[in-house]
Amino acid sequence: MSKGTAVVTGASSGIGAATARRLVQEGFDVVAGARRRERLDALSDELGDALRPVTLDVTSKDSVAALAEAVGGELNVLVNNAGAAVGMDPVADADPADWRAMFEVNVIGALQVTQGLLPALVASGRGHVVVMGSTAGRIVYEGGGGYTAAKHAAAALTETLRLELNGQPVRVTEIAPGMVRTDEFALNRFGGDAERAAKVYQGVDAPLTADDIADCVAWCVTRPPHVDIDLLVVKPLAQAAQHKVHRTS
């Protein structure tokens, strides 16, 4: 028996793809949204009829409207996973365009998708909004000004939404991962510089994986309807804080 319908944004790779897989395993019918349709189609081939691909750009109102139309009148879970980090320039040298790009995806994108799907979440009688935050939304670090600002804003969005939806049948959760090693996150952050991206994880014994975070999402959304996990912060054992990571070399 289906547990209902779940939407996962940024589902073409990394945490989004892992979350889509896990929610299908948990018994949800998943609508997977991302810009790279060929990746979504491959995921659909892998998972079968339980996953429906939808081409989605979270920064586009028209694209979000098309997603809402594809979802229909009721929705049980929304995982606002689409996000990105761009660069590591200090505030004094940062390109405002990079900051705008990060805000558009991490903040405005989550806002637009939530707005577009909120009526369906309420209509289900047991809706759940999950925002993929970051420990960067709790602690700042040098070179991370734009990303930490965006993730702090995403945290504020989540907390405000929970207050405003109080009394409605919609739970609101932020999941804030620390160091997660995926195929693309650091690579994209450094403009495809594989050597620089690899140094982020150099000497770190067992950083988190996308499957670890998908496990967190699945646990949160499968609690009894009266249980709302406000915030789940998860880091690898090697990471005590943004600036405190044990490295073996």
C-alpha atoms as a PDB file:
ATOM      1  CA  MET A   1       0.000   0.000   0.000  1.00  0.00           C
ATOM      2  CA  SER A   2       1.359   3.413  -0.977  1.00  0.00           C
ATOM      3  CA  LYS A   3       2.282   5.816   1.804  1.00  0.00           C
ATOM      4  CA  GLY A   4       1.259   8.660  -0.484  1.00  0.00           C
ATOM      5  CA  THR A   5       3.075  10.937  -2.871  1.00  0.00           C
ATOM      6  CA  ALA A   6       6.432  12.589  -2.282  1.00  0.00           C
ATOM      7  CA  VAL A   7       8.191  15.248  -4.348  1.00  0.00           C
ATOM      8  CA  VAL A   8      11.982  15.444  -4.328  1.00  0.00           C
ATOM      9  CA  THR A   9      13.699  18.394  -5.992  1.00  0.00           C
ATOM     10  CA  GLY A  10      17.279  18.244  -7.211  1.00  0.00           C
ATOM     11  CA  ALA A  11      16.713  14.532  -7.741  1.00  0.00           C
ATOM     12  CA  SER A  12      19.107  13.964 -10.634  1.00  0.00           C
ATOM     13  CA  SER A  13      22.146  13.154  -8.482  1.00  0.00           C
ATOM     14  CA  GLY A  14      23.617  13.026  -4.993  1.00  0.00           C
ATOM     15  CA  ILE A  15      21.333  13.402  -2.000  1.00  0.00           C
ATOM     16  CA  GLY A  16      18.275  14.010  -4.182  1.00  0.00           C
ATOM     17  CA  ALA A  17      18.657  10.807  -6.189  1.00  0.00           C
ATOM     18  CA  ALA A  18      19.422   8.810  -3.037  1.00  0.00           C
ATOM     19  CA  THR A  19      16.347  10.265  -1.332  1.00  0.00           C
ATOM     20  CA  ALA A  20      14.121   9.435  -4.293  1.00  0.00           C
ATOM     21  CA  ARG A  21      15.356   5.826  -4.222  1.00  0.00           C
ATOM     22  CA  ARG A  22      14.861   5.528  -0.479  1.00  0.00           C
ATOM     23  CA  LEU A  23      11.355   6.971  -0.480  1.00  0.00           C
ATOM     24  CA  VAL A  24      10.333   4.531  -3.210  1.00  0.00           C
ATOM     25  CA  GLN A  25      11.681   1.744  -1.005  1.00  0.00           C
ATOM     26  CA  GLU A  26       9.635   3.139   1.872  1.00  0.00           C
ATOM     27  CA  GLY A  27       6.466   2.838  -0.202  1.00  0.00           C
ATOM     28  CA  PHE A  28       5.967   6.365  -1.531  1.00  0.00           C
ATOM     29  CA  ASP A  29       5.069   7.275  -5.075  1.00  0.00           C
ATOM     30  CA  VAL A  30       7.816   9.742  -5.919  1.00  0.00           C
ATOM     31  CA  VAL A  31       7.757  12.704  -8.272  1.00  0.00           C
ATOM     32  CA  ALA A  32      11.412  13.457  -8.990  1.00  0.00           C
ATOM     33  CA  GLY A  33      12.244  16.943 -10.253  1.00  0.00           C
ATOM     34  CA  ALA A  34      15.485  18.316 -11.698  1.00  0.00           C
ATOM     35  CA  ARG A  35      16.834  20.146 -14.743  1.00  0.00           C
ATOM     36  CA  ARG A  36      18.729  17.175 -16.164  1.00  0.00           C
ATOM     37  CA  ARG A  37      15.902  15.103 -17.597  1.00  0.00           C
ATOM     38  CA  GLU A  38      18.158  12.351 -18.928  1.00  0.00           C
ATOM     39  CA  ARG A  39      19.314  11.607 -15.375  1.00  0.00           C
ATOM     40  CA  LEU A  40      15.732  11.490 -14.149  1.00  0.00           C
ATOM     41  CA  ASP A  41      14.740   9.154 -16.964  1.00  0.00           C
ATOM     42  CA  ALA A  42      17.558   6.803 -15.991  1.00  0.00           C
ATOM     43  CA  LEU A  43      16.321   6.887 -12.398  1.00  0.00           C
ATOM     44  CA  SER A  44      12.806   6.140 -13.596  1.00  0.00           C
ATOM     45  CA  ASP A  45      14.090   3.168 -15.599  1.00  0.00           C
ATOM     46  CA  GLU A  46      15.792   1.908 -12.446  1.00  0.00           C
ATOM     47  CA  LEU A  47      12.855   2.357 -10.081  1.00  0.00           C
ATOM     48  CA  GLY A  48       9.886   1.730 -12.353  1.00  0.00           C
ATOM     49  CA  ASP A  49       6.373   3.125 -12.090  1.00  0.00           C
ATOM     50  CA  ALA A  50       6.853   4.293  -8.500  1.00  0.00           C
ATOM     51  CA  LEU A  51       8.973   7.200  -9.742  1.00  0.00           C
ATOM     52  CA  ARG A  52       7.686   9.869 -12.101  1.00  0.00           C
ATOM     53  CA  PRO A  53      10.264  12.262 -13.615  1.00  0.00           C
ATOM     54  CA  VAL A  54       9.401  15.945 -14.071  1.00  0.00           C
ATOM     55  CA  THR A  55      11.771  18.458 -15.638  1.00  0.00           C
ATOM     56  CA  LEU A  56      12.136  21.208 -13.053  1.00  0.00           C
ATOM     57  CA  ASP A  57      14.030  24.450 -12.584  1.00  0.00           C
ATOM     58  CA  VAL A  58      13.205  25.642  -9.063  1.00  0.00           C
ATOM     59  CA  THR A  59      14.203  29.211  -9.955  1.00  0.00           C
ATOM     60  CA  SER A  60      11.483  29.384 -12.647  1.00  0.00           C
ATOM     61  CA  LYS A  61       7.901  30.149 -11.610  1.00  0.00           C
ATOM     62  CA  ASP A  62       6.572  28.567 -14.790  1.00  0.00           C
ATOM     63  CA  SER A  63       8.541  25.392 -14.166  1.00  0.00           C
ATOM     64  CA  VAL A  64       7.302  25.208 -10.573  1.00  0.00           C
ATOM     65  CA  ALA A  65       3.717  25.753 -11.764  1.00  0.00           C
ATOM     66  CA  ALA A  66       4.117  22.824 -14.164  1.00  0.00           C
ATOM     67  CA  LEU A  67       5.380  20.695 -11.281  1.00  0.00           C
ATOM     68  CA  ALA A  68       2.342  21.597  -9.174  1.00  0.00           C
ATOM     69  CA  GLU A  69       0.057  20.668 -12.055  1.00  0.00           C
ATOM     70  CA  ALA A  70       1.828  17.321 -12.459  1.00  0.00           C
ATOM     71  CA  VAL A  71       1.483  16.574  -8.738  1.00  0.00           C
ATOM     72  CA  GLY A  72      -2.244  17.240  -8.601  1.00  0.00           C
ATOM     73  CA  GLY A  73      -4.538  17.973  -5.684  1.00  0.00           C
ATOM     74  CA  GLU A  74      -2.829  16.134  -2.832  1.00  0.00           C
ATOM     75  CA  LEU A  75       0.769  15.703  -1.721  1.00  0.00           C
ATOM     76  CA  ASN A  76       2.174  14.085   1.415  1.00  0.00           C
ATOM     77  CA  VAL A  77       5.875  14.949   1.386  1.00  0.00           C
ATOM     78  CA  LEU A  78       7.939  17.706  -0.219  1.00  0.00           C
ATOM     79  CA  VAL A  79      11.720  17.416   0.008  1.00  0.00           C
ATOM     80  CA  ASN A  80      13.252  20.763  -0.957  1.00  0.00           C
ATOM     81  CA  ASN A  81      16.651  19.341  -1.801  1.00  0.00           C
ATOM     82  CA  ALA A  82      17.767  21.427  -4.790  1.00  0.00           C
ATOM     83  CA  GLY A  83      20.762  23.531  -3.782  1.00  0.00           C
ATOM     84  CA  ALA A  84      24.254  24.562  -4.710  1.00  0.00           C
ATOM     85  CA  ALA A  85      27.450  26.181  -3.468  1.00  0.00           C
ATOM     86  CA  VAL A  86      29.525  28.405  -5.733  1.00  0.00           C
ATOM     87  CA  GLY A  87      33.130  29.287  -4.949  1.00  0.00           C
ATOM     88  CA  MET A  88      35.125  29.919  -1.781  1.00  0.00           C
ATOM     89  CA  ASP A  89      36.051  33.569  -2.251  1.00  0.00           C
ATOM     90  CA  PRO A  90      36.302  35.798   0.824  1.00  0.00           C
ATOM     91  CA  VAL A  91      33.622  38.431   1.259  1.00  0.00           C
ATOM     92  CA  ALA A  92      36.000  41.185   0.121  1.00  0.00           C
ATOM     93  CA  ASP A  93      36.530  39.534  -3.268  1.00  0.00           C
ATOM     94  CA  ALA A  94      33.285  37.618  -3.824  1.00  0.00           C
ATOM     95  CA  ASP A  95      31.345  38.009  -7.053  1.00  0.00           C
ATOM     96  CA  PRO A  96      27.793  39.154  -6.223  1.00  0.00           C
ATOM     97  CA  ALA A  97      26.578  37.013  -9.117  1.00  0.00           C
ATOM     98  CA  ASP A  98      27.736  33.915  -7.233  1.00  0.00           C
ATOM     99  CA  TRP A  99      25.814  35.014  -4.154  1.00  0.00           C
ATOM    100  CA  ARG A 100      22.696  35.666  -6.240  1.00  0.00           C
ATOM    101  CA  ALA A 101      22.965  32.241  -7.839  1.00  0.00           C
ATOM    102  CA  MET A 102      23.181  30.561  -4.435  1.00  0.00           C
ATOM    103  CA  PHE A 103      20.229  32.522  -3.069  1.00  0.00           C
ATOM    104  CA  GLU A 104      18.146  31.773  -6.156  1.00  0.00           C
ATOM    105  CA  VAL A 105      18.531  28.007  -5.775  1.00  0.00           C
ATOM    106  CA  ASN A 106      18.856  27.495  -2.018  1.00  0.00           C
ATOM    107  CA  VAL A 107      16.329  30.093  -0.846  1.00  0.00           C
ATOM    108  CA  ILE A 108      14.067  31.420  -3.605  1.00  0.00           C
ATOM    109  CA  GLY A 109      13.829  27.968  -5.165  1.00  0.00           C
ATOM    110  CA  ALA A 110      12.704  26.409  -1.893  1.00  0.00           C
ATOM    111  CA  LEU A 111      10.270  29.290  -1.382  1.00  0.00           C
ATOM    112  CA  GLN A 112       8.690  28.951  -4.823  1.00  0.00           C
ATOM    113  CA  VAL A 113       8.336  25.180  -4.691  1.00  0.00           C
ATOM    114  CA  THR A 114       6.858  25.319  -1.192  1.00  0.00           C
ATOM    115  CA  GLN A 115       4.391  28.008  -2.248  1.00  0.00           C
ATOM    116  CA  GLY A 116       3.406  26.045  -5.332  1.00  0.00           C
ATOM    117  CA  LEU A 117       2.810  22.762  -3.508  1.00  0.00           C
ATOM    118  CA  LEU A 118       1.527  23.950  -0.147  1.00  0.00           C
ATOM    119  CA  PRO A 119      -2.180  23.742  -1.095  1.00  0.00           C
ATOM    120  CA  ALA A 120      -1.722  20.073  -2.021  1.00  0.00           C
ATOM    121  CA  LEU A 121       0.209  19.403   1.185  1.00  0.00           C
ATOM    122  CA  VAL A 122      -2.590  20.912   3.281  1.00  0.00           C
ATOM    123  CA  ALA A 123      -5.241  19.072   1.268  1.00  0.00           C
ATOM    124  CA  SER A 124      -3.637  15.714   2.026  1.00  0.00           C
ATOM    125  CA  GLY A 125      -4.354  16.152   5.719  1.00  0.00           C
ATOM    126  CA  ARG A 126      -0.851  14.901   6.580  1.00  0.00           C
ATOM    127  CA  GLY A 127       1.648  16.981   4.684  1.00  0.00           C
ATOM    128  CA  HIS A 128       5.339  17.302   5.427  1.00  0.00           C
ATOM    129  CA  VAL A 129       7.835  19.888   4.146  1.00  0.00           C
ATOM    130  CA  VAL A 130      11.497  18.914   4.426  1.00  0.00           C
ATOM    131  CA  VAL A 131      14.153  21.529   3.693  1.00  0.00           C
ATOM    132  CA  MET A 132      17.686  20.313   3.047  1.00  0.00           C
ATOM    133  CA  GLY A 133      19.726  22.780   5.028  1.00  0.00           C
ATOM    134  CA  SER A 134      23.320  22.469   6.149  1.00  0.00           C
ATOM    135  CA  THR A 135      25.539  22.939   9.169  1.00  0.00           C
ATOM    136  CA  ALA A 136      26.570  25.981   7.100  1.00  0.00           C
ATOM    137  CA  GLY A 137      23.170  27.354   8.082  1.00  0.00           C
ATOM    138  CA  ARG A 138      24.219  27.205  11.718  1.00  0.00           C
ATOM    139  CA  ILE A 139      27.953  28.041  11.715  1.00  0.00           C
ATOM    140  CA  VAL A 140      29.916  30.330   9.376  1.00  0.00           C
ATOM    141  CA  TYR A 141      33.434  29.777   8.091  1.00  0.00           C
ATOM    142  CA  GLU A 142      36.015  31.680   6.072  1.00  0.00           C
ATOM    143  CA  GLY A 143      35.399  31.542   2.353  1.00  0.00           C
ATOM    144  CA  GLY A 144      31.838  30.410   2.842  1.00  0.00           C
ATOM    145  CA  GLY A 145      30.084  33.754   3.159  1.00  0.00           C
ATOM    146  CA  GLY A 146      27.672  33.372   0.267  1.00  0.00           C
ATOM    147  CA  TYR A 147      26.797  29.755   0.957  1.00  0.00           C
ATOM    148  CA  THR A 148      26.444  30.191   4.711  1.00  0.00           C
ATOM    149  CA  ALA A 149      24.277  33.265   4.164  1.00  0.00           C
ATOM    150  CA  ALA A 150      22.015  31.297   1.821  1.00  0.00           C
ATOM    151  CA  LYS A 151      21.745  28.332   4.170  1.00  0.00           C
ATOM    152  CA  HIS A 152      21.079  30.612   7.158  1.00  0.00           C
ATOM    153  CA  ALA A 153      18.263  32.111   5.082  1.00  0.00           C
ATOM    154  CA  ALA A 154      16.934  28.632   4.277  1.00  0.00           C
ATOM    155  CA  ALA A 155      16.918  27.856   8.003  1.00  0.00           C
ATOM    156  CA  ALA A 156      15.007  31.066   8.691  1.00  0.00           C
ATOM    157  CA  LEU A 157      12.510  30.203   5.958  1.00  0.00           C
ATOM    158  CA  THR A 158      11.946  26.791   7.536  1.00  0.00           C
ATOM    159  CA  GLU A 159      11.496  28.093  11.066  1.00  0.00           C
ATOM    160  CA  THR A 160       9.133  30.848   9.937  1.00  0.00           C
ATOM    161  CA  LEU A 161       7.069  28.407   7.874  1.00  0.00           C
ATOM    162  CA  ARG A 162       6.635  26.165  10.919  1.00  0.00           C
ATOM    163  CA  LEU A 163       5.273  29.079  12.933  1.00  0.00           C
ATOM    164  CA  GLU A 164       2.935  30.189  10.159  1.00  0.00           C
ATOM    165  CA  LEU A 165       1.571  26.683   9.551  1.00  0.00           C
ATOM    166  CA  ASN A 166       0.882  25.990  13.206  1.00  0.00           C
ATOM    167  CA  GLY A 167      -2.620  24.502  13.371  1.00  0.00           C
ATOM    168  CA  GLN A 168      -2.431  23.184   9.807  1.00  0.00           C
ATOM    169  CA  PRO A 169      -1.815  19.459   9.083  1.00  0.00           C
ATOM    170  CA  VAL A 170       1.689  20.077   7.752  1.00  0.00           C
ATOM    171  CA  ARG A 171       4.933  19.183   9.501  1.00  0.00           C
ATOM    172  CA  VAL A 172       8.097  21.166   8.776  1.00  0.00           C
ATOM    173  CA  THR A 173      11.598  19.714   9.139  1.00  0.00           C
ATOM    174  CA  GLU A 174      15.080  20.991   8.408  1.00  0.00           C
ATOM    175  CA  ILE A 175      17.835  18.428   7.891  1.00  0.00           C
ATOM    176  CA  ALA A 176      21.264  19.997   8.301  1.00  0.00           C
ATOM    177  CA  PRO A 177      24.093  17.751   7.089  1.00  0.00           C
ATOM    178  CA  GLY A 178      27.752  18.415   7.688  1.00  0.00           C
ATOM    179  CA  MET A 179      30.441  16.958   5.448  1.00  0.00           C
ATOM    180  CA  VAL A 180      28.792  14.788   2.795  1.00  0.00           C
ATOM    181  CA  ARG A 181      30.863  13.383  -0.041  1.00  0.00           C
ATOM    182  CA  THR A 182      28.909  13.185  -3.284  1.00  0.00           C
ATOM    183  CA  ASP A 183      30.061  13.016  -6.887  1.00  0.00           C
ATOM    184  CA  GLU A 184      29.242  16.613  -7.748  1.00  0.00           C
ATOM    185  CA  PHE A 185      28.811  19.041  -4.830  1.00  0.00           C
ATOM    186  CA  ALA A 186      32.443  20.082  -4.266  1.00  0.00           C
ATOM    187  CA  LEU A 187      33.269  19.643  -7.953  1.00  0.00           C
ATOM    188  CA  ASN A 188      30.545  22.111  -8.921  1.00  0.00           C
ATOM    189  CA  ARG A 189      31.564  24.480  -6.143  1.00  0.00           C
ATOM    190  CA  PHE A 190      35.061  24.750  -7.599  1.00  0.00           C
ATOM    191  CA  GLY A 191      34.006  25.033 -11.230  1.00  0.00           C
ATOM    192  CA  GLY A 192      34.989  21.483 -12.154  1.00  0.00           C
ATOM    193  CA  ASP A 193      38.440  21.591 -10.514  1.00  0.00           C
ATOM    194  CA  ALA A 194      38.679  17.930  -9.430  1.00  0.00           C
ATOM    195  CA  GLU A 195      41.952  18.371  -7.548  1.00  0.00           C
ATOM    196  CA  ARG A 196      40.616  21.218  -5.446  1.00  0.00           C
ATOM    197  CA  ALA A 197      37.351  19.376  -4.811  1.00  0.00           C
ATOM    198  CA  ALA A 198      39.193  16.252  -3.640  1.00  0.00           C
ATOM    199  CA  LYS A 199      41.128  18.268  -1.047  1.00  0.00           C
ATOM    200  CA  VAL A 200      37.885  19.012   0.798  1.00  0.00           C
ATOM    201  CA  TYR A 201      37.698  15.362   1.849  1.00  0.00           C
ATOM    202  CA  GLN A 202      41.424  14.563   1.932  1.00  0.00           C
ATOM    203  CA  GLY A 203      42.371  12.456   4.941  1.00  0.00           C
ATOM    204  CA  VAL A 204      38.801  12.341   6.283  1.00  0.00           C
ATOM    205  CA  ASP A 205      37.843   8.851   7.384  1.00  0.00           C
ATOM    206  CA  ALA A 206      34.307   8.098   6.217  1.00  0.00           C
ATOM    207  CA  PRO A 207      32.557  11.371   5.398  1.00  0.00           C
ATOM    208  CA  LEU A 208      28.803  11.081   5.163  1.00  0.00           C
ATOM    209  CA  THR A 209      27.259   9.699   1.985  1.00  0.00           C
ATOM    210  CA  ALA A 210      24.099  10.637   0.106  1.00  0.00           C
ATOM    211  CA  ASP A 211      22.506   7.426   1.396  1.00  0.00           C
ATOM    212  CA  ASP A 212      23.151   8.535   4.987  1.00  0.00           C
ATOM    213  CA  ILE A 213      21.137  11.695   4.395  1.00  0.00           C
ATOM    214  CA  ALA A 214      18.402   9.836   2.525  1.00  0.00           C
ATOM    215  CA  ASP A 215      18.118   7.627   5.604  1.00  0.00           C
ATOM    216  CA  CYS A 216      17.578  10.750   7.725  1.00  0.00           C
ATOM    217  CA  VAL A 217      14.847  11.997   5.384  1.00  0.00           C
ATOM    218  CA  ALA A 218      13.101   8.637   5.429  1.00  0.00           C
ATOM    219  CA  TRP A 219      13.173   8.480   9.224  1.00  0.00           C
ATOM    220  CA  CYS A 220      11.739  11.984   9.621  1.00  0.00           C
ATOM    221  CA  VAL A 221       8.875  11.532   7.165  1.00  0.00           C
ATOM    222  CA  THR A 222       7.850   8.119   8.499  1.00  0.00           C
ATOM    223  CA  ARG A 223       7.341   9.222  12.121  1.00  0.00           C
ATOM    224  CA  PRO A 224       3.715   9.190  13.325  1.00  0.00           C
ATOM    225  CA  PRO A 225       1.784  12.207  11.991  1.00  0.00           C
ATOM    226  CA  HIS A 226       1.794  13.984  15.385  1.00  0.00           C
ATOM    227  CA  VAL A 227       5.618  13.825  15.614  1.00  0.00           C
ATOM    228  CA  ASP A 228       7.489  16.711  13.971  1.00  0.00           C
ATOM    229  CA  ILE A 229      11.271  16.585  13.850  1.00  0.00           C
ATOM    230  CA  ASP A 230      12.053  20.303  13.780  1.00  0.00           C
ATOM    231  CA  LEU A 231      15.787  20.042  13.103  1.00  0.00           C
ATOM    232  CA  LEU A 232      18.107  17.103  12.506  1.00  0.00           C
ATOM    233  CA  VAL A 233      21.820  17.959  12.453  1.00  0.00           C
ATOM    234  CA  VAL A 234      24.002  15.120  11.186  1.00  0.00           C
ATOM    235  CA  LYS A 235      27.786  15.038  10.768  1.00  0.00           C
ATOM    236  CA  PRO A 236      30.405  12.349  10.245  1.00  0.00           C
ATOM    237  CA  LEU A 237      32.283  11.232  13.334  1.00  0.00           C
ATOM    238  CA  ALA A 238      35.415  12.958  12.015  1.00  0.00           C
ATOM    239  CA  GLN A 239      33.709  16.367  11.983  1.00  0.00           C
ATOM    240  CA  ALA A 240      33.163  18.145  15.285  1.00  0.00           C
ATOM    241  CA  ALA A 241      32.382  21.503  13.618  1.00  0.00           C
ATOM    242  CA  GLN A 242      32.817  23.297  10.305  1.00  0.00           C
ATOM    243  CA  HIS A 243      36.370  24.219  11.270  1.00  0.00           C
ATOM    244  CA  LYS A 244      37.208  21.108  13.308  1.00  0.00           C
ATOM    245  CA  VAL A 245      37.682  18.007  11.166  1.00  0.00           C
ATOM    246  CA  HIS A 246      39.999  15.137  12.024  1.00  0.00           C
ATOM    247  CA  ARG A 247      42.188  14.200   9.083  1.00  0.00           C
ATOM    248  CA  THR A 248      44.514  11.203   9.023  1.00  0.00           C
ATOM    249  CA  SER A 249      46.819  12.887   6.521  1.00  0.00           C
END
